[in-house]
Amino acid sequence: MELNWWEIVSAALGLGCVVLAGRNSKYNFYLGYAYNIFLAVLFWNQSLFAAMALQPVSFAINIFGHWRWTHPKSHERSNADPEKLRVSKVSWKGWGGYAGIILSGGAILGSVLSACTSDPLPWLDSYILMLTFLAQYLSAQKRLECWFVWMAVNAANITLYAVSGLWVMTAVAALYLINGIVSYFSWRTLYNNKC
């Protein structure tokens, strides 16, 4: 197996980013910016076009999240630090809207990728993309349930990366899955304490 340095650097940046996010550190965003750039190149080289197309949008969501985490509205401030956004939850109505977007967006993108690209797993790639957008948006808003969505994304990514021969990224996705579990419990404590 030949080492892919883009994959290794991407893995290191991604691990650092998610560990910092799970520990409620705003510094996760700086690693996230670099991570998006490295992933865009990596996925382009592997013909994973939906995953590659995610990176500019992810970069924009990182900017939005960075702003949200450090500039909360008065009713969203953490009890521990009023300069930080506190962890909150998604409403049931919100989940209904998100489900509709995920199902329809994944179907449209899966159809396009199936017809127009050499993507080895167009449907899986498409739905992972849609779930990743949701997970990133919920993370940017500091919603507790983002970790459930991240766990689903990482479980699916284990399959996608393994089939694509990205073994370092497969291992990283497994570590992300473990981090998602730990981070959920960390953020649940923050939520209960209105932090």
Protein backbone atom coordinates (compact mmCIF):
# COMPACT_ATOMS: atom_id res chain seq x y z
CA MET A 1 0.00 0.00 0.00
CA GLU A 2 1.46 3.33 -1.10
CA LEU A 3 1.18 6.19 1.38
CA ASN A 4 -0.73 9.21 0.14
CA TRP A 5 0.62 12.31 1.88
CA TRP A 6 -2.53 14.30 1.11
CA GLU A 7 -4.50 11.63 2.92
CA ILE A 8 -2.14 11.59 5.93
CA VAL A 9 -2.07 15.38 6.35
CA SER A 10 -5.86 15.51 5.85
CA ALA A 11 -6.31 12.85 8.51
CA ALA A 12 -4.15 14.72 11.02
CA LEU A 13 -5.92 18.04 10.40
CA GLY A 14 -9.35 16.42 10.59
CA LEU A 15 -8.60 14.59 13.82
CA GLY A 16 -7.30 17.75 15.42
CA CYS A 17 -10.35 19.67 14.27
CA VAL A 18 -12.98 17.25 15.58
CA VAL A 19 -11.21 16.67 18.89
CA LEU A 20 -11.12 20.44 19.50
CA ALA A 21 -14.77 20.81 18.43
CA GLY A 22 -15.82 18.01 20.76
CA ARG A 23 -14.02 19.78 23.58
CA ASN A 24 -15.88 23.03 22.84
CA SER A 25 -12.81 24.89 21.55
CA LYS A 26 -13.25 27.64 18.98
CA TYR A 27 -9.76 26.80 17.68
CA ASN A 28 -11.23 23.82 15.82
CA PHE A 29 -12.20 26.20 13.04
CA TYR A 30 -8.60 27.10 12.15
CA LEU A 31 -7.72 23.44 11.58
CA GLY A 32 -11.04 23.03 9.76
CA TYR A 33 -10.09 25.62 7.14
CA ALA A 34 -6.87 23.77 6.26
CA TYR A 35 -8.68 20.42 6.43
CA ASN A 36 -11.17 21.52 3.76
CA ILE A 37 -8.39 22.50 1.37
CA PHE A 38 -6.50 19.22 1.78
CA LEU A 39 -9.69 17.13 1.44
CA ALA A 40 -10.69 18.91 -1.77
CA VAL A 41 -7.40 17.87 -3.40
CA LEU A 42 -7.55 14.33 -1.99
CA PHE A 43 -11.12 13.66 -3.15
CA TRP A 44 -10.51 15.18 -6.58
CA ASN A 45 -7.65 12.73 -7.07
CA GLN A 46 -9.91 9.80 -6.01
CA SER A 47 -12.85 10.87 -8.25
CA LEU A 48 -15.12 11.29 -5.21
CA PHE A 49 -16.78 14.33 -6.70
CA ALA A 50 -19.60 14.86 -4.21
CA ALA A 51 -17.12 14.68 -1.33
CA MET A 52 -14.84 17.09 -3.19
CA ALA A 53 -17.71 19.48 -3.94
CA LEU A 54 -18.52 19.56 -0.23
CA GLN A 55 -15.25 21.30 0.65
CA PRO A 56 -16.00 24.89 -0.51
CA VAL A 57 -19.39 24.70 1.19
CA SER A 58 -17.75 23.26 4.32
CA PHE A 59 -15.29 26.12 4.28
CA ALA A 60 -18.19 28.60 4.22
CA ILE A 61 -20.00 26.73 7.02
CA ASN A 62 -16.76 26.85 9.05
CA ILE A 63 -16.69 30.63 8.67
CA PHE A 64 -20.36 30.82 9.72
CA GLY A 65 -19.76 28.48 12.69
CA HIS A 66 -16.67 30.39 13.78
CA TRP A 67 -18.76 33.56 13.85
CA ARG A 68 -21.71 31.90 15.64
CA TRP A 69 -19.53 30.31 18.33
CA THR A 70 -17.81 33.59 19.14
CA HIS A 71 -20.68 36.07 18.65
CA PRO A 72 -23.78 34.65 20.38
CA LYS A 73 -27.03 36.58 20.69
CA SER A 74 -27.84 37.61 24.25
CA HIS A 75 -30.31 34.74 24.82
CA GLU A 76 -27.81 32.17 23.45
CA ARG A 77 -24.86 32.95 25.71
CA SER A 78 -23.16 30.29 27.76
CA ASN A 79 -23.53 30.48 31.54
CA ALA A 80 -19.82 29.71 31.86
CA ASP A 81 -18.61 32.33 29.36
CA PRO A 82 -20.95 34.99 27.92
CA GLU A 83 -18.63 35.38 24.93
CA LYS A 84 -19.44 31.80 23.83
CA LEU A 85 -22.50 30.26 22.22
CA ARG A 86 -24.18 27.70 24.50
CA VAL A 87 -25.18 24.19 23.39
CA SER A 88 -28.87 23.86 22.45
CA LYS A 89 -31.21 21.30 20.84
CA VAL A 90 -33.08 21.02 17.53
CA SER A 91 -36.91 21.27 17.57
CA TRP A 92 -39.08 18.46 16.18
CA LYS A 93 -40.28 20.82 13.44
CA GLY A 94 -36.66 21.47 12.53
CA TRP A 95 -35.99 17.74 12.18
CA GLY A 96 -38.90 17.41 9.74
CA GLY A 97 -37.46 20.10 7.49
CA TYR A 98 -33.97 18.63 7.66
CA ALA A 99 -35.25 15.15 6.74
CA GLY A 100 -37.00 16.49 3.64
CA ILE A 101 -33.88 18.33 2.50
CA ILE A 102 -31.65 15.28 3.07
CA LEU A 103 -33.95 12.86 1.20
CA SER A 104 -34.64 15.10 -1.79
CA GLY A 105 -31.12 16.55 -2.07
CA GLY A 106 -29.52 13.10 -1.85
CA ALA A 107 -31.87 11.70 -4.52
CA ILE A 108 -31.14 14.54 -6.94
CA LEU A 109 -27.39 14.45 -6.42
CA GLY A 110 -27.27 10.63 -6.56
CA SER A 111 -29.06 10.68 -9.91
CA VAL A 112 -26.67 13.29 -11.31
CA LEU A 113 -23.55 11.47 -10.08
CA SER A 114 -24.82 8.13 -11.41
CA ALA A 115 -25.41 9.56 -14.85
CA CYS A 116 -22.51 11.96 -15.22
CA THR A 117 -19.47 10.78 -13.26
CA SER A 118 -17.24 7.81 -12.53
CA ASP A 119 -18.01 8.02 -8.79
CA PRO A 120 -17.74 4.40 -7.53
CA LEU A 121 -20.60 4.79 -5.01
CA PRO A 122 -22.73 7.73 -6.20
CA TRP A 123 -25.73 7.16 -3.90
CA LEU A 124 -23.70 6.60 -0.75
CA ASP A 125 -21.47 9.56 -1.64
CA SER A 126 -24.56 11.75 -2.21
CA TYR A 127 -26.33 10.92 1.04
CA ILE A 128 -23.09 11.24 3.01
CA LEU A 129 -22.70 14.69 1.47
CA MET A 130 -26.21 15.74 2.52
CA LEU A 131 -25.77 14.37 6.05
CA THR A 132 -22.39 16.07 6.31
CA PHE A 133 -23.95 19.42 5.39
CA LEU A 134 -26.53 18.87 8.11
CA ALA A 135 -23.94 17.80 10.69
CA GLN A 136 -21.79 20.83 9.89
CA TYR A 137 -24.72 23.22 10.07
CA LEU A 138 -25.86 21.78 13.41
CA SER A 139 -22.27 21.95 14.70
CA ALA A 140 -22.02 25.58 13.60
CA GLN A 141 -25.20 26.28 15.59
CA LYS A 142 -23.85 24.22 18.53
CA ARG A 143 -26.81 21.83 18.51
CA LEU A 144 -26.32 18.76 20.68
CA GLU A 145 -27.76 16.39 18.06
CA CYS A 146 -24.99 17.24 15.61
CA TRP A 147 -23.03 14.38 17.18
CA PHE A 148 -25.71 11.81 16.24
CA VAL A 149 -25.54 12.99 12.64
CA TRP A 150 -21.72 12.94 12.72
CA MET A 151 -21.83 9.34 14.00
CA ALA A 152 -24.04 8.34 11.05
CA VAL A 153 -21.75 10.17 8.60
CA ASN A 154 -18.63 8.53 10.02
CA ALA A 155 -20.15 5.04 9.96
CA ALA A 156 -21.04 5.55 6.28
CA ASN A 157 -17.62 7.07 5.51
CA ILE A 158 -15.91 3.96 6.83
CA THR A 159 -17.59 2.04 3.99
CA LEU A 160 -17.02 4.73 1.34
CA TYR A 161 -13.33 5.14 2.12
CA ALA A 162 -12.65 1.41 2.39
CA VAL A 163 -14.25 0.74 -1.00
CA SER A 164 -12.21 3.63 -2.46
CA GLY A 165 -8.95 2.26 -1.04
CA LEU A 166 -8.37 5.21 1.30
CA TRP A 167 -7.19 3.16 4.27
CA VAL A 168 -5.86 6.02 6.35
CA MET A 169 -9.18 7.85 5.95
CA THR A 170 -11.03 4.63 6.85
CA ALA A 171 -9.12 4.46 10.13
CA VAL A 172 -9.68 8.18 10.70
CA ALA A 173 -13.44 7.78 10.14
CA ALA A 174 -13.43 5.06 12.81
CA LEU A 175 -11.62 7.45 15.18
CA TYR A 176 -14.15 10.18 14.30
CA LEU A 177 -16.93 7.76 15.22
CA ILE A 178 -15.37 7.20 18.64
CA ASN A 179 -14.81 10.95 19.05
CA GLY A 180 -18.47 11.55 18.16
CA ILE A 181 -19.61 9.32 21.00
CA VAL A 182 -17.28 10.99 23.51
CA SER A 183 -18.18 14.46 22.23
CA TYR A 184 -21.92 13.80 22.53
CA PHE A 185 -21.54 13.10 26.25
CA SER A 186 -19.28 16.13 26.67
CA TRP A 187 -21.78 18.41 24.94
CA ARG A 188 -24.70 16.85 26.82
CA THR A 189 -23.05 17.97 30.05
CA LEU A 190 -22.61 21.45 28.56
CA TYR A 191 -26.28 21.47 27.49
CA ASN A 192 -27.47 20.43 30.96
CA ASN A 193 -25.39 23.23 32.50
CA LYS A 194 -26.49 25.76 29.84
CA CYS A 195 -22.91 26.18 28.73
